[in-house]
C-alpha atoms as a PDB file:
ATOM      1  CA  MET A   1     -23.279  41.476  44.131  1.00  0.00           C
ATOM      2  CA  ALA A   2     -25.059  41.073  40.722  1.00  0.00           C
ATOM      3  CA  VAL A   3     -23.997  37.874  39.027  1.00  0.00           C
ATOM      4  CA  SER A   4     -24.148  37.213  35.024  1.00  0.00           C
ATOM      5  CA  VAL A   5     -23.891  33.722  34.017  1.00  0.00           C
ATOM      6  CA  VAL A   6     -24.253  31.644  30.875  1.00  0.00           C
ATOM      7  CA  ILE A   7     -25.918  28.304  30.259  1.00  0.00           C
ATOM      8  CA  PHE A   8     -24.904  25.380  31.974  1.00  0.00           C
ATOM      9  CA  SER A   9     -24.708  21.754  30.807  1.00  0.00           C
ATOM     10  CA  PHE A  10     -27.167  19.500  32.715  1.00  0.00           C
ATOM     11  CA  LEU A  11     -27.343  15.644  33.164  1.00  0.00           C
ATOM     12  CA  LEU A  12     -30.672  13.986  31.840  1.00  0.00           C
ATOM     13  CA  ILE A  13     -32.042  12.682  34.918  1.00  0.00           C
ATOM     14  CA  CYS A  14     -34.142   9.398  34.583  1.00  0.00           C
ATOM     15  CA  SER A  15     -37.364  11.030  35.505  1.00  0.00           C
ATOM     16  CA  SER A  16     -40.578  12.401  34.072  1.00  0.00           C
ATOM     17  CA  PHE A  17     -38.903  15.773  33.436  1.00  0.00           C
ATOM     18  CA  SER A  18     -36.191  16.535  30.963  1.00  0.00           C
ATOM     19  CA  PHE A  19     -33.841  19.480  30.596  1.00  0.00           C
ATOM     20  CA  GLY A  20     -34.732  21.541  27.388  1.00  0.00           C
ATOM     21  CA  ASP A  21     -31.869  21.280  24.754  1.00  0.00           C
ATOM     22  CA  SER A  22     -33.743  23.957  22.481  1.00  0.00           C
ATOM     23  CA  LEU A  23     -33.239  26.723  25.216  1.00  0.00           C
ATOM     24  CA  SER A  24     -30.854  29.696  24.013  1.00  0.00           C
ATOM     25  CA  LEU A  25     -29.765  33.013  25.645  1.00  0.00           C
ATOM     26  CA  ASN A  26     -30.429  34.400  22.210  1.00  0.00           C
ATOM     27  CA  TYR A  27     -33.653  32.611  21.493  1.00  0.00           C
ATOM     28  CA  TYR A  28     -35.700  35.972  20.672  1.00  0.00           C
ATOM     29  CA  ASP A  29     -32.817  38.008  19.395  1.00  0.00           C
ATOM     30  CA  LYS A  30     -34.498  38.264  15.892  1.00  0.00           C
ATOM     31  CA  ASN A  31     -38.279  38.026  16.340  1.00  0.00           C
ATOM     32  CA  CYS A  32     -38.717  39.819  19.927  1.00  0.00           C
ATOM     33  CA  PRO A  33     -35.171  41.465  20.953  1.00  0.00           C
ATOM     34  CA  ASP A  34     -36.735  43.766  23.518  1.00  0.00           C
ATOM     35  CA  VAL A  35     -38.592  40.986  25.612  1.00  0.00           C
ATOM     36  CA  ASP A  36     -36.426  41.164  28.767  1.00  0.00           C
ATOM     37  CA  ARG A  37     -36.839  44.978  28.722  1.00  0.00           C
ATOM     38  CA  ILE A  38     -40.464  44.728  28.473  1.00  0.00           C
ATOM     39  CA  ILE A  39     -41.012  42.323  30.988  1.00  0.00           C
ATOM     40  CA  SER A  40     -38.545  43.963  33.391  1.00  0.00           C
ATOM     41  CA  ASN A  41     -40.181  47.107  33.303  1.00  0.00           C
ATOM     42  CA  ILE A  42     -43.686  45.337  34.002  1.00  0.00           C
ATOM     43  CA  VAL A  43     -42.101  43.871  37.214  1.00  0.00           C
ATOM     44  CA  LYS A  44     -40.643  46.946  38.293  1.00  0.00           C
ATOM     45  CA  GLU A  45     -43.866  48.972  38.014  1.00  0.00           C
ATOM     46  CA  ALA A  46     -45.790  46.313  39.780  1.00  0.00           C
ATOM     47  CA  PHE A  47     -43.164  45.981  42.616  1.00  0.00           C
ATOM     48  CA  SER A  48     -43.429  49.918  43.117  1.00  0.00           C
ATOM     49  CA  GLU A  49     -47.081  49.528  44.016  1.00  0.00           C
ATOM     50  CA  ASP A  50     -46.849  45.978  45.802  1.00  0.00           C
ATOM     51  CA  LYS A  51     -43.800  44.996  47.654  1.00  0.00           C
ATOM     52  CA  THR A  52     -45.216  41.421  47.877  1.00  0.00           C
ATOM     53  CA  VAL A  53     -45.055  40.942  44.085  1.00  0.00           C
ATOM     54  CA  PRO A  54     -41.471  39.638  43.758  1.00  0.00           C
ATOM     55  CA  ALA A  55     -41.937  36.897  46.346  1.00  0.00           C
ATOM     56  CA  ALA A  56     -45.339  35.766  44.538  1.00  0.00           C
ATOM     57  CA  LEU A  57     -43.793  35.579  41.071  1.00  0.00           C
ATOM     58  CA  LEU A  58     -40.885  33.810  42.318  1.00  0.00           C
ATOM     59  CA  ARG A  59     -42.938  31.244  44.138  1.00  0.00           C
ATOM     60  CA  MET A  60     -45.319  30.924  41.112  1.00  0.00           C
ATOM     61  CA  HIS A  61     -42.445  29.907  38.942  1.00  0.00           C
ATOM     62  CA  PHE A  62     -41.163  27.399  41.538  1.00  0.00           C
ATOM     63  CA  HIS A  63     -44.586  25.927  41.905  1.00  0.00           C
ATOM     64  CA  ASP A  64     -44.864  25.803  37.928  1.00  0.00           C
ATOM     65  CA  CYS A  65     -41.667  23.918  37.296  1.00  0.00           C
ATOM     66  CA  PHE A  66     -42.142  21.397  40.039  1.00  0.00           C
ATOM     67  CA  ILE A  67     -45.396  19.803  38.657  1.00  0.00           C
ATOM     68  CA  ARG A  68     -45.128  19.391  34.822  1.00  0.00           C
ATOM     69  CA  GLY A  69     -42.006  21.308  34.157  1.00  0.00           C
ATOM     70  CA  CYS A  70     -41.874  25.052  33.415  1.00  0.00           C
ATOM     71  CA  ASP A  71     -44.723  24.987  30.971  1.00  0.00           C
ATOM     72  CA  ALA A  72     -46.820  27.838  32.725  1.00  0.00           C
ATOM     73  CA  SER A  73     -49.518  25.420  33.608  1.00  0.00           C
ATOM     74  CA  VAL A  74     -49.950  27.123  36.873  1.00  0.00           C
ATOM     75  CA  LEU A  75     -51.299  29.985  34.885  1.00  0.00           C
ATOM     76  CA  LEU A  76     -54.309  28.410  33.446  1.00  0.00           C
ATOM     77  CA  ASP A  77     -57.798  29.112  34.583  1.00  0.00           C
ATOM     78  CA  LYS A  78     -60.469  26.360  35.101  1.00  0.00           C
ATOM     79  CA  ALA A  79     -62.056  25.206  32.031  1.00  0.00           C
ATOM     80  CA  GLU A  80     -65.446  23.523  32.381  1.00  0.00           C
ATOM     81  CA  ASP A  81     -65.300  20.904  35.241  1.00  0.00           C
ATOM     82  CA  ASN A  82     -61.378  20.717  35.133  1.00  0.00           C
ATOM     83  CA  LYS A  83     -59.618  21.901  38.343  1.00  0.00           C
ATOM     84  CA  VAL A  84     -56.389  23.394  37.514  1.00  0.00           C
ATOM     85  CA  GLU A  85     -53.203  23.798  39.479  1.00  0.00           C
ATOM     86  CA  LYS A  86     -54.420  27.149  40.867  1.00  0.00           C
ATOM     87  CA  THR A  87     -56.992  25.552  42.581  1.00  0.00           C
ATOM     88  CA  GLY A  88     -54.900  22.841  44.427  1.00  0.00           C
ATOM     89  CA  PRO A  89     -54.395  23.345  48.065  1.00  0.00           C
ATOM     90  CA  PRO A  90     -50.542  24.588  47.953  1.00  0.00           C
ATOM     91  CA  ASN A  91     -51.438  27.089  45.310  1.00  0.00           C
ATOM     92  CA  LEU A  92     -54.603  28.764  46.656  1.00  0.00           C
ATOM     93  CA  SER A  93     -52.348  31.631  48.140  1.00  0.00           C
ATOM     94  CA  LEU A  94     -50.699  32.295  45.062  1.00  0.00           C
ATOM     95  CA  HIS A  95     -51.190  35.674  43.752  1.00  0.00           C
ATOM     96  CA  ALA A  96     -49.834  38.460  41.350  1.00  0.00           C
ATOM     97  CA  PHE A  97     -51.187  36.750  38.124  1.00  0.00           C
ATOM     98  CA  PHE A  98     -52.242  40.112  36.954  1.00  0.00           C
ATOM     99  CA  VAL A  99     -48.277  40.896  36.573  1.00  0.00           C
ATOM    100  CA  ILE A 100     -47.945  37.975  33.963  1.00  0.00           C
ATOM    101  CA  ASP A 101     -51.094  39.069  32.316  1.00  0.00           C
ATOM    102  CA  ASN A 102     -49.763  42.715  31.942  1.00  0.00           C
ATOM    103  CA  ALA A 103     -46.347  41.308  30.814  1.00  0.00           C
ATOM    104  CA  LYS A 104     -48.080  39.082  28.066  1.00  0.00           C
ATOM    105  CA  LYS A 105     -50.280  41.825  26.864  1.00  0.00           C
ATOM    106  CA  ALA A 106     -47.202  44.146  26.465  1.00  0.00           C
ATOM    107  CA  VAL A 107     -45.182  41.397  24.711  1.00  0.00           C
ATOM    108  CA  GLU A 108     -47.929  40.480  22.449  1.00  0.00           C
ATOM    109  CA  ALA A 109     -48.233  44.153  21.275  1.00  0.00           C
ATOM    110  CA  ALA A 110     -44.481  44.088  20.486  1.00  0.00           C
ATOM    111  CA  CYS A 111     -44.229  40.604  19.134  1.00  0.00           C
ATOM    112  CA  PRO A 112     -47.513  38.840  18.400  1.00  0.00           C
ATOM    113  CA  GLY A 113     -47.425  35.090  19.109  1.00  0.00           C
ATOM    114  CA  VAL A 114     -43.917  34.800  19.676  1.00  0.00           C
ATOM    115  CA  VAL A 115     -43.059  34.705  23.460  1.00  0.00           C
ATOM    116  CA  SER A 116     -44.341  31.673  25.608  1.00  0.00           C
ATOM    117  CA  CYS A 117     -46.178  32.407  28.815  1.00  0.00           C
ATOM    118  CA  ALA A 118     -43.608  29.993  30.502  1.00  0.00           C
ATOM    119  CA  ASP A 119     -40.686  32.344  29.348  1.00  0.00           C
ATOM    120  CA  ILE A 120     -42.465  35.319  30.643  1.00  0.00           C
ATOM    121  CA  LEU A 121     -42.739  33.740  33.977  1.00  0.00           C
ATOM    122  CA  ALA A 122     -39.410  32.635  34.030  1.00  0.00           C
ATOM    123  CA  LEU A 123     -37.998  36.272  33.171  1.00  0.00           C
ATOM    124  CA  ALA A 124     -40.487  37.633  35.690  1.00  0.00           C
ATOM    125  CA  ALA A 125     -38.986  35.576  38.635  1.00  0.00           C
ATOM    126  CA  ARG A 126     -35.439  36.595  37.661  1.00  0.00           C
ATOM    127  CA  ASP A 127     -36.768  40.385  37.604  1.00  0.00           C
ATOM    128  CA  SER A 128     -38.153  39.802  40.988  1.00  0.00           C
ATOM    129  CA  VAL A 129     -35.133  38.652  42.323  1.00  0.00           C
ATOM    130  CA  VAL A 130     -33.206  41.539  40.844  1.00  0.00           C
ATOM    131  CA  VAL A 131     -35.744  44.398  42.047  1.00  0.00           C
ATOM    132  CA  SER A 132     -35.380  42.992  45.536  1.00  0.00           C
ATOM    133  CA  GLY A 133     -31.636  43.573  45.502  1.00  0.00           C
ATOM    134  CA  GLY A 134     -30.543  40.099  44.572  1.00  0.00           C
ATOM    135  CA  PRO A 135     -28.301  38.924  41.530  1.00  0.00           C
ATOM    136  CA  THR A 136     -29.222  39.158  37.971  1.00  0.00           C
ATOM    137  CA  TRP A 137     -28.632  36.291  35.240  1.00  0.00           C
ATOM    138  CA  ASP A 138     -29.132  35.463  31.571  1.00  0.00           C
ATOM    139  CA  VAL A 139     -32.215  33.283  31.307  1.00  0.00           C
ATOM    140  CA  PRO A 140     -32.266  30.752  28.942  1.00  0.00           C
ATOM    141  CA  LYS A 141     -35.438  30.997  26.566  1.00  0.00           C
ATOM    142  CA  GLY A 142     -37.515  29.019  24.168  1.00  0.00           C
ATOM    143  CA  ARG A 143     -39.887  27.296  26.550  1.00  0.00           C
ATOM    144  CA  LEU A 144     -43.326  26.089  25.264  1.00  0.00           C
ATOM    145  CA  ASP A 145     -46.581  26.220  27.069  1.00  0.00           C
ATOM    146  CA  GLY A 146     -48.371  23.356  28.526  1.00  0.00           C
ATOM    147  CA  ARG A 147     -51.853  22.446  27.429  1.00  0.00           C
ATOM    148  CA  THR A 148     -52.874  20.320  30.795  1.00  0.00           C
ATOM    149  CA  SER A 149     -53.354  21.304  34.370  1.00  0.00           C
ATOM    150  CA  TYR A 150     -54.601  19.549  37.198  1.00  0.00           C
ATOM    151  CA  ALA A 151     -55.232  20.484  41.012  1.00  0.00           C
ATOM    152  CA  SER A 152     -54.415  16.824  42.133  1.00  0.00           C
ATOM    153  CA  GLU A 153     -50.968  17.219  40.878  1.00  0.00           C
ATOM    154  CA  THR A 154     -50.073  20.075  43.157  1.00  0.00           C
ATOM    155  CA  ARG A 155     -49.592  16.890  45.839  1.00  0.00           C
ATOM    156  CA  GLN A 156     -46.262  16.701  44.082  1.00  0.00           C
ATOM    157  CA  LEU A 157     -44.924  20.112  45.696  1.00  0.00           C
ATOM    158  CA  PRO A 158     -42.689  19.872  48.600  1.00  0.00           C
ATOM    159  CA  ALA A 159     -44.335  20.571  51.641  1.00  0.00           C
ATOM    160  CA  PRO A 160     -43.166  22.893  54.403  1.00  0.00           C
ATOM    161  CA  SER A 161     -43.284  20.188  56.867  1.00  0.00           C
ATOM    162  CA  PHE A 162     -40.900  17.707  54.864  1.00  0.00           C
ATOM    163  CA  ASN A 163     -37.854  16.412  56.277  1.00  0.00           C
ATOM    164  CA  LEU A 164     -34.628  16.134  54.512  1.00  0.00           C
ATOM    165  CA  SER A 165     -35.106  12.903  53.001  1.00  0.00           C
ATOM    166  CA  GLN A 166     -38.452  13.779  51.896  1.00  0.00           C
ATOM    167  CA  LEU A 167     -37.052  16.947  50.258  1.00  0.00           C
ATOM    168  CA  GLN A 168     -34.270  15.325  48.619  1.00  0.00           C
ATOM    169  CA  GLN A 169     -36.482  12.594  47.072  1.00  0.00           C
ATOM    170  CA  SER A 170     -38.848  15.451  45.752  1.00  0.00           C
ATOM    171  CA  PHE A 171     -35.774  17.452  44.179  1.00  0.00           C
ATOM    172  CA  ALA A 172     -34.071  14.350  42.669  1.00  0.00           C
ATOM    173  CA  GLN A 173     -37.307  13.483  40.886  1.00  0.00           C
ATOM    174  CA  ARG A 174     -36.679  16.594  39.022  1.00  0.00           C
ATOM    175  CA  GLY A 175     -32.846  16.272  38.472  1.00  0.00           C
ATOM    176  CA  LEU A 176     -32.190  18.605  41.189  1.00  0.00           C
ATOM    177  CA  ASN A 177     -29.512  17.857  43.839  1.00  0.00           C
ATOM    178  CA  LEU A 178     -28.997  18.591  47.481  1.00  0.00           C
ATOM    179  CA  GLY A 179     -27.023  21.773  46.587  1.00  0.00           C
ATOM    180  CA  ASP A 180     -29.789  23.065  44.404  1.00  0.00           C
ATOM    181  CA  LEU A 181     -32.088  22.376  47.224  1.00  0.00           C
ATOM    182  CA  VAL A 182     -30.329  24.427  49.840  1.00  0.00           C
ATOM    183  CA  ALA A 183     -29.766  27.376  47.378  1.00  0.00           C
ATOM    184  CA  LEU A 184     -33.318  27.312  46.033  1.00  0.00           C
ATOM    185  CA  SER A 185     -34.790  27.293  49.613  1.00  0.00           C
ATOM    186  CA  GLY A 186     -33.054  30.783  49.855  1.00  0.00           C
ATOM    187  CA  GLY A 187     -36.113  32.198  48.018  1.00  0.00           C
ATOM    188  CA  HIS A 188     -37.692  31.996  51.516  1.00  0.00           C
ATOM    189  CA  SER A 189     -35.838  35.248  52.020  1.00  0.00           C
ATOM    190  CA  LEU A 190     -38.563  36.834  50.478  1.00  0.00           C
ATOM    191  CA  GLY A 191     -42.333  36.790  51.296  1.00  0.00           C
ATOM    192  CA  PHE A 192     -45.004  35.998  53.952  1.00  0.00           C
ATOM    193  CA  SER A 193     -46.255  32.402  55.293  1.00  0.00           C
ATOM    194  CA  HIS A 194     -49.711  31.986  56.833  1.00  0.00           C
ATOM    195  CA  CYS A 195     -49.860  30.157  60.026  1.00  0.00           C
ATOM    196  CA  SER A 196     -51.415  26.920  58.492  1.00  0.00           C
ATOM    197  CA  SER A 197     -47.824  26.272  56.965  1.00  0.00           C
ATOM    198  CA  PHE A 198     -46.093  26.099  60.175  1.00  0.00           C
ATOM    199  CA  GLN A 199     -48.417  26.032  63.172  1.00  0.00           C
ATOM    200  CA  GLY A 200     -47.653  22.336  63.424  1.00  0.00           C
ATOM    201  CA  ARG A 201     -44.440  22.915  64.993  1.00  0.00           C
ATOM    202  CA  LEU A 202     -46.033  25.470  67.808  1.00  0.00           C
ATOM    203  CA  HIS A 203     -48.881  23.561  69.265  1.00  0.00           C
ATOM    204  CA  ASN A 204     -48.992  19.595  70.113  1.00  0.00           C
ATOM    205  CA  PHE A 205     -45.821  18.857  68.314  1.00  0.00           C
ATOM    206  CA  ASP A 206     -45.510  15.273  69.201  1.00  0.00           C
ATOM    207  CA  ALA A 207     -46.040  13.102  72.182  1.00  0.00           C
ATOM    208  CA  THR A 208     -43.440  14.504  74.136  1.00  0.00           C
ATOM    209  CA  ASN A 209     -43.173  18.125  73.163  1.00  0.00           C
ATOM    210  CA  ASP A 210     -45.609  20.791  72.794  1.00  0.00           C
ATOM    211  CA  ILE A 211     -43.195  22.883  70.584  1.00  0.00           C
ATOM    212  CA  ASP A 212     -40.950  21.698  68.085  1.00  0.00           C
ATOM    213  CA  PRO A 213     -37.638  21.621  70.067  1.00  0.00           C
ATOM    214  CA  SER A 214     -35.542  22.780  67.084  1.00  0.00           C
ATOM    215  CA  ILE A 215     -37.209  26.221  67.351  1.00  0.00           C
ATOM    216  CA  ASN A 216     -35.601  28.849  69.208  1.00  0.00           C
ATOM    217  CA  PRO A 217     -37.760  29.435  72.370  1.00  0.00           C
ATOM    218  CA  SER A 218     -38.263  33.220  72.282  1.00  0.00           C
ATOM    219  CA  PHE A 219     -38.794  32.677  68.703  1.00  0.00           C
ATOM    220  CA  ALA A 220     -41.520  30.071  69.094  1.00  0.00           C
ATOM    221  CA  ALA A 221     -43.320  32.349  71.820  1.00  0.00           C
ATOM    222  CA  SER A 222     -43.554  35.265  69.406  1.00  0.00           C
ATOM    223  CA  LEU A 223     -45.001  32.748  66.835  1.00  0.00           C
ATOM    224  CA  ARG A 224     -47.294  31.465  69.238  1.00  0.00           C
ATOM    225  CA  ASN A 225     -48.676  34.777  70.056  1.00  0.00           C
ATOM    226  CA  VAL A 226     -49.449  35.525  66.139  1.00  0.00           C
ATOM    227  CA  CYS A 227     -50.752  31.774  65.696  1.00  0.00           C
ATOM    228  CA  PRO A 228     -52.445  30.707  68.904  1.00  0.00           C
ATOM    229  CA  ALA A 229     -53.812  27.241  69.092  1.00  0.00           C
ATOM    230  CA  HIS A 230     -57.241  27.091  67.232  1.00  0.00           C
ATOM    231  CA  ASN A 231     -56.303  30.065  65.281  1.00  0.00           C
ATOM    232  CA  LYS A 232     -59.219  31.415  63.200  1.00  0.00           C
ATOM    233  CA  MET A 233     -57.734  34.404  61.911  1.00  0.00           C
ATOM    234  CA  LYS A 234     -57.514  33.608  57.942  1.00  0.00           C
ATOM    235  CA  ASN A 235     -54.877  35.894  57.311  1.00  0.00           C
ATOM    236  CA  ALA A 236     -52.569  35.558  60.446  1.00  0.00           C
ATOM    237  CA  GLY A 237     -49.115  34.567  59.788  1.00  0.00           C
ATOM    238  CA  SER A 238     -45.396  35.750  59.536  1.00  0.00           C
ATOM    239  CA  THR A 239     -42.872  37.370  57.170  1.00  0.00           C
ATOM    240  CA  MET A 240     -40.416  34.818  56.118  1.00  0.00           C
ATOM    241  CA  ASP A 241     -37.524  36.882  57.762  1.00  0.00           C
ATOM    242  CA  PRO A 242     -37.328  40.389  59.139  1.00  0.00           C
ATOM    243  CA  SER A 243     -36.609  41.787  55.514  1.00  0.00           C
ATOM    244  CA  PRO A 244     -39.192  40.066  53.557  1.00  0.00           C
ATOM    245  CA  SER A 245     -38.743  42.482  50.443  1.00  0.00           C
ATOM    246  CA  THR A 246     -34.940  42.100  50.255  1.00  0.00           C
ATOM    247  CA  PHE A 247     -33.414  39.069  48.692  1.00  0.00           C
ATOM    248  CA  ASP A 248     -30.291  38.487  50.714  1.00  0.00           C
ATOM    249  CA  ASN A 249     -28.868  35.867  53.085  1.00  0.00           C
ATOM    250  CA  THR A 250     -30.412  36.559  56.389  1.00  0.00           C
ATOM    251  CA  TYR A 251     -32.636  33.353  55.803  1.00  0.00           C
ATOM    252  CA  TYR A 252     -29.526  31.136  56.444  1.00  0.00           C
ATOM    253  CA  LYS A 253     -28.467  32.927  59.454  1.00  0.00           C
ATOM    254  CA  LEU A 254     -31.980  32.449  60.936  1.00  0.00           C
ATOM    255  CA  ILE A 255     -31.731  28.634  60.204  1.00  0.00           C
ATOM    256  CA  LEU A 256     -28.474  28.618  62.131  1.00  0.00           C
ATOM    257  CA  GLN A 257     -30.303  30.593  65.092  1.00  0.00           C
ATOM    258  CA  GLY A 258     -33.267  28.090  65.167  1.00  0.00           C
ATOM    259  CA  LYS A 259     -35.593  31.048  63.794  1.00  0.00           C
ATOM    260  CA  SER A 260     -36.871  29.325  60.630  1.00  0.00           C
ATOM    261  CA  LEU A 261     -40.595  29.237  59.878  1.00  0.00           C
ATOM    262  CA  PHE A 262     -40.735  25.733  58.235  1.00  0.00           C
ATOM    263  CA  SER A 263     -39.626  22.300  59.217  1.00  0.00           C
ATOM    264  CA  SER A 264     -38.467  22.255  55.697  1.00  0.00           C
ATOM    265  CA  ASP A 265     -36.290  25.108  56.322  1.00  0.00           C
ATOM    266  CA  GLN A 266     -34.739  23.872  59.810  1.00  0.00           C
ATOM    267  CA  THR A 267     -34.253  20.598  58.431  1.00  0.00           C
ATOM    268  CA  LEU A 268     -31.196  21.664  56.099  1.00  0.00           C
ATOM    269  CA  VAL A 269     -28.974  21.607  59.348  1.00  0.00           C
ATOM    270  CA  THR A 270     -29.716  18.035  60.139  1.00  0.00           C
ATOM    271  CA  ALA A 271     -27.197  16.336  57.703  1.00  0.00           C
ATOM    272  CA  PRO A 272     -23.367  17.749  57.483  1.00  0.00           C
ATOM    273  CA  SER A 273     -23.492  18.205  53.767  1.00  0.00           C
ATOM    274  CA  THR A 274     -26.496  20.564  53.760  1.00  0.00           C
ATOM    275  CA  GLU A 275     -25.462  22.087  56.828  1.00  0.00           C
ATOM    276  CA  LYS A 276     -22.260  23.037  55.456  1.00  0.00           C
ATOM    277  CA  LEU A 277     -23.878  24.890  52.511  1.00  0.00           C
ATOM    278  CA  VAL A 278     -26.234  26.650  55.052  1.00  0.00           C
ATOM    279  CA  ARG A 279     -23.255  28.001  56.891  1.00  0.00           C
ATOM    280  CA  GLN A 280     -21.401  28.766  53.799  1.00  0.00           C
ATOM    281  CA  PHE A 281     -24.315  30.945  52.531  1.00  0.00           C
ATOM    282  CA  ALA A 282     -25.075  32.618  55.857  1.00  0.00           C
ATOM    283  CA  ALA A 283     -21.382  33.694  55.984  1.00  0.00           C
ATOM    284  CA  SER A 284     -21.245  34.850  52.225  1.00  0.00           C
ATOM    285  CA  GLN A 285     -23.938  36.584  50.311  1.00  0.00           C
ATOM    286  CA  GLU A 286     -21.704  36.194  47.138  1.00  0.00           C
ATOM    287  CA  ALA A 287     -21.568  32.557  47.750  1.00  0.00           C
ATOM    288  CA  PHE A 288     -25.233  32.248  47.959  1.00  0.00           C
ATOM    289  CA  ASP A 289     -26.171  34.358  44.978  1.00  0.00           C
ATOM    290  CA  GLU A 290     -23.779  32.505  42.693  1.00  0.00           C
ATOM    291  CA  ALA A 291     -25.143  29.115  43.797  1.00  0.00           C
ATOM    292  CA  PHE A 292     -28.706  30.628  43.588  1.00  0.00           C
ATOM    293  CA  VAL A 293     -28.334  31.813  40.095  1.00  0.00           C
ATOM    294  CA  LYS A 294     -27.043  28.245  38.795  1.00  0.00           C
ATOM    295  CA  SER A 295     -29.852  26.300  40.695  1.00  0.00           C
ATOM    296  CA  MET A 296     -32.311  28.722  39.195  1.00  0.00           C
ATOM    297  CA  ILE A 297     -31.113  28.033  35.600  1.00  0.00           C
ATOM    298  CA  LYS A 298     -30.902  24.312  36.262  1.00  0.00           C
ATOM    299  CA  MET A 299     -34.569  24.360  37.650  1.00  0.00           C
ATOM    300  CA  SER A 300     -36.066  26.716  35.025  1.00  0.00           C
ATOM    301  CA  SER A 301     -34.671  24.591  32.284  1.00  0.00           C
ATOM    302  CA  ILE A 302     -36.988  21.509  32.867  1.00  0.00           C
ATOM    303  CA  THR A 303     -39.109  21.893  29.900  1.00  0.00           C
ATOM    304  CA  ALA A 304     -42.645  20.154  29.050  1.00  0.00           C
ATOM    305  CA  GLY A 305     -44.651  22.466  26.878  1.00  0.00           C
ATOM    306  CA  HIS A 306     -46.350  22.104  23.528  1.00  0.00           C
ATOM    307  CA  GLU A 307     -47.504  25.611  22.052  1.00  0.00           C
ATOM    308  CA  VAL A 308     -47.119  29.420  22.546  1.00  0.00           C
ATOM    309  CA  ARG A 309     -50.329  30.615  24.288  1.00  0.00           C
ATOM    310  CA  LYS A 310     -52.189  33.883  23.096  1.00  0.00           C
ATOM    311  CA  ASN A 311     -53.545  33.961  26.441  1.00  0.00           C
ATOM    312  CA  CYS A 312     -51.741  32.808  29.441  1.00  0.00           C
ATOM    313  CA  ARG A 313     -55.004  31.997  31.135  1.00  0.00           C
ATOM    314  CA  ARG A 314     -56.229  29.494  28.481  1.00  0.00           C
ATOM    315  CA  VAL A 315     -54.890  26.993  25.814  1.00  0.00           C
ATOM    316  CA  ASN A 316     -54.936  28.076  22.231  1.00  0.00           C
END
């Protein structure tokens, strides 16, 4: 079911991030009224040619917001000797940057120097969910682009091996709570993961177990076939769920069956509060959609930028 929402009010959390008071649903109504339609068309065109684009753009937006706020710092290319976020280990598998390049080019042709790359990425993430069959929402706009990007800061991104306590701490530092954690984790409904992100659960897990005991045995066996010990196949891996191009609540159903890829997914049922939400979202697509939209608006409203870049790959 499509869900349309308005901006929510958010508490200012004591952290290095802030929620942008300047964001507005009608920010571009006068100086670039067609921005939503322009970006939506670009995403639809890319999706028609490559079904992996939505997962890539959604992940790109998440990785951007979790470093310096939603400032498009993840889009910057290397300048001289500076190793940018793109080159950090968690971001090496990011792709579909061409979609943002194409969107920026189209927006600049219509409204030169007006729309930030950060806003383009936030809108493209929303459109990625929509083209995948998920809910839509009104994206607050007015973000500015950052001028700084460091590969070393990608260590701040939550890892697929994190337990619930580590995830809670990571999200709390960005003003996000456990409800946001469970809802935003539903983005794993889309996409593909390489073996390196979950292979530790399949071989030599700990001193007692070769395989993580929280994994369904038959599911673990199928994953071990794809990701054998000492795997040397660079692109080997698994889709996040059986419908990797469709935004749905299958992800939560798989968690309850012990068939999630990441430890960070399975850990969501290790506490009563988060398990309750997993079960709620597994039982109701509508409940998941509503929670996901609220948390996406909350996350994407973390602001930190300083300018509107002319080119998303370099500062002005």
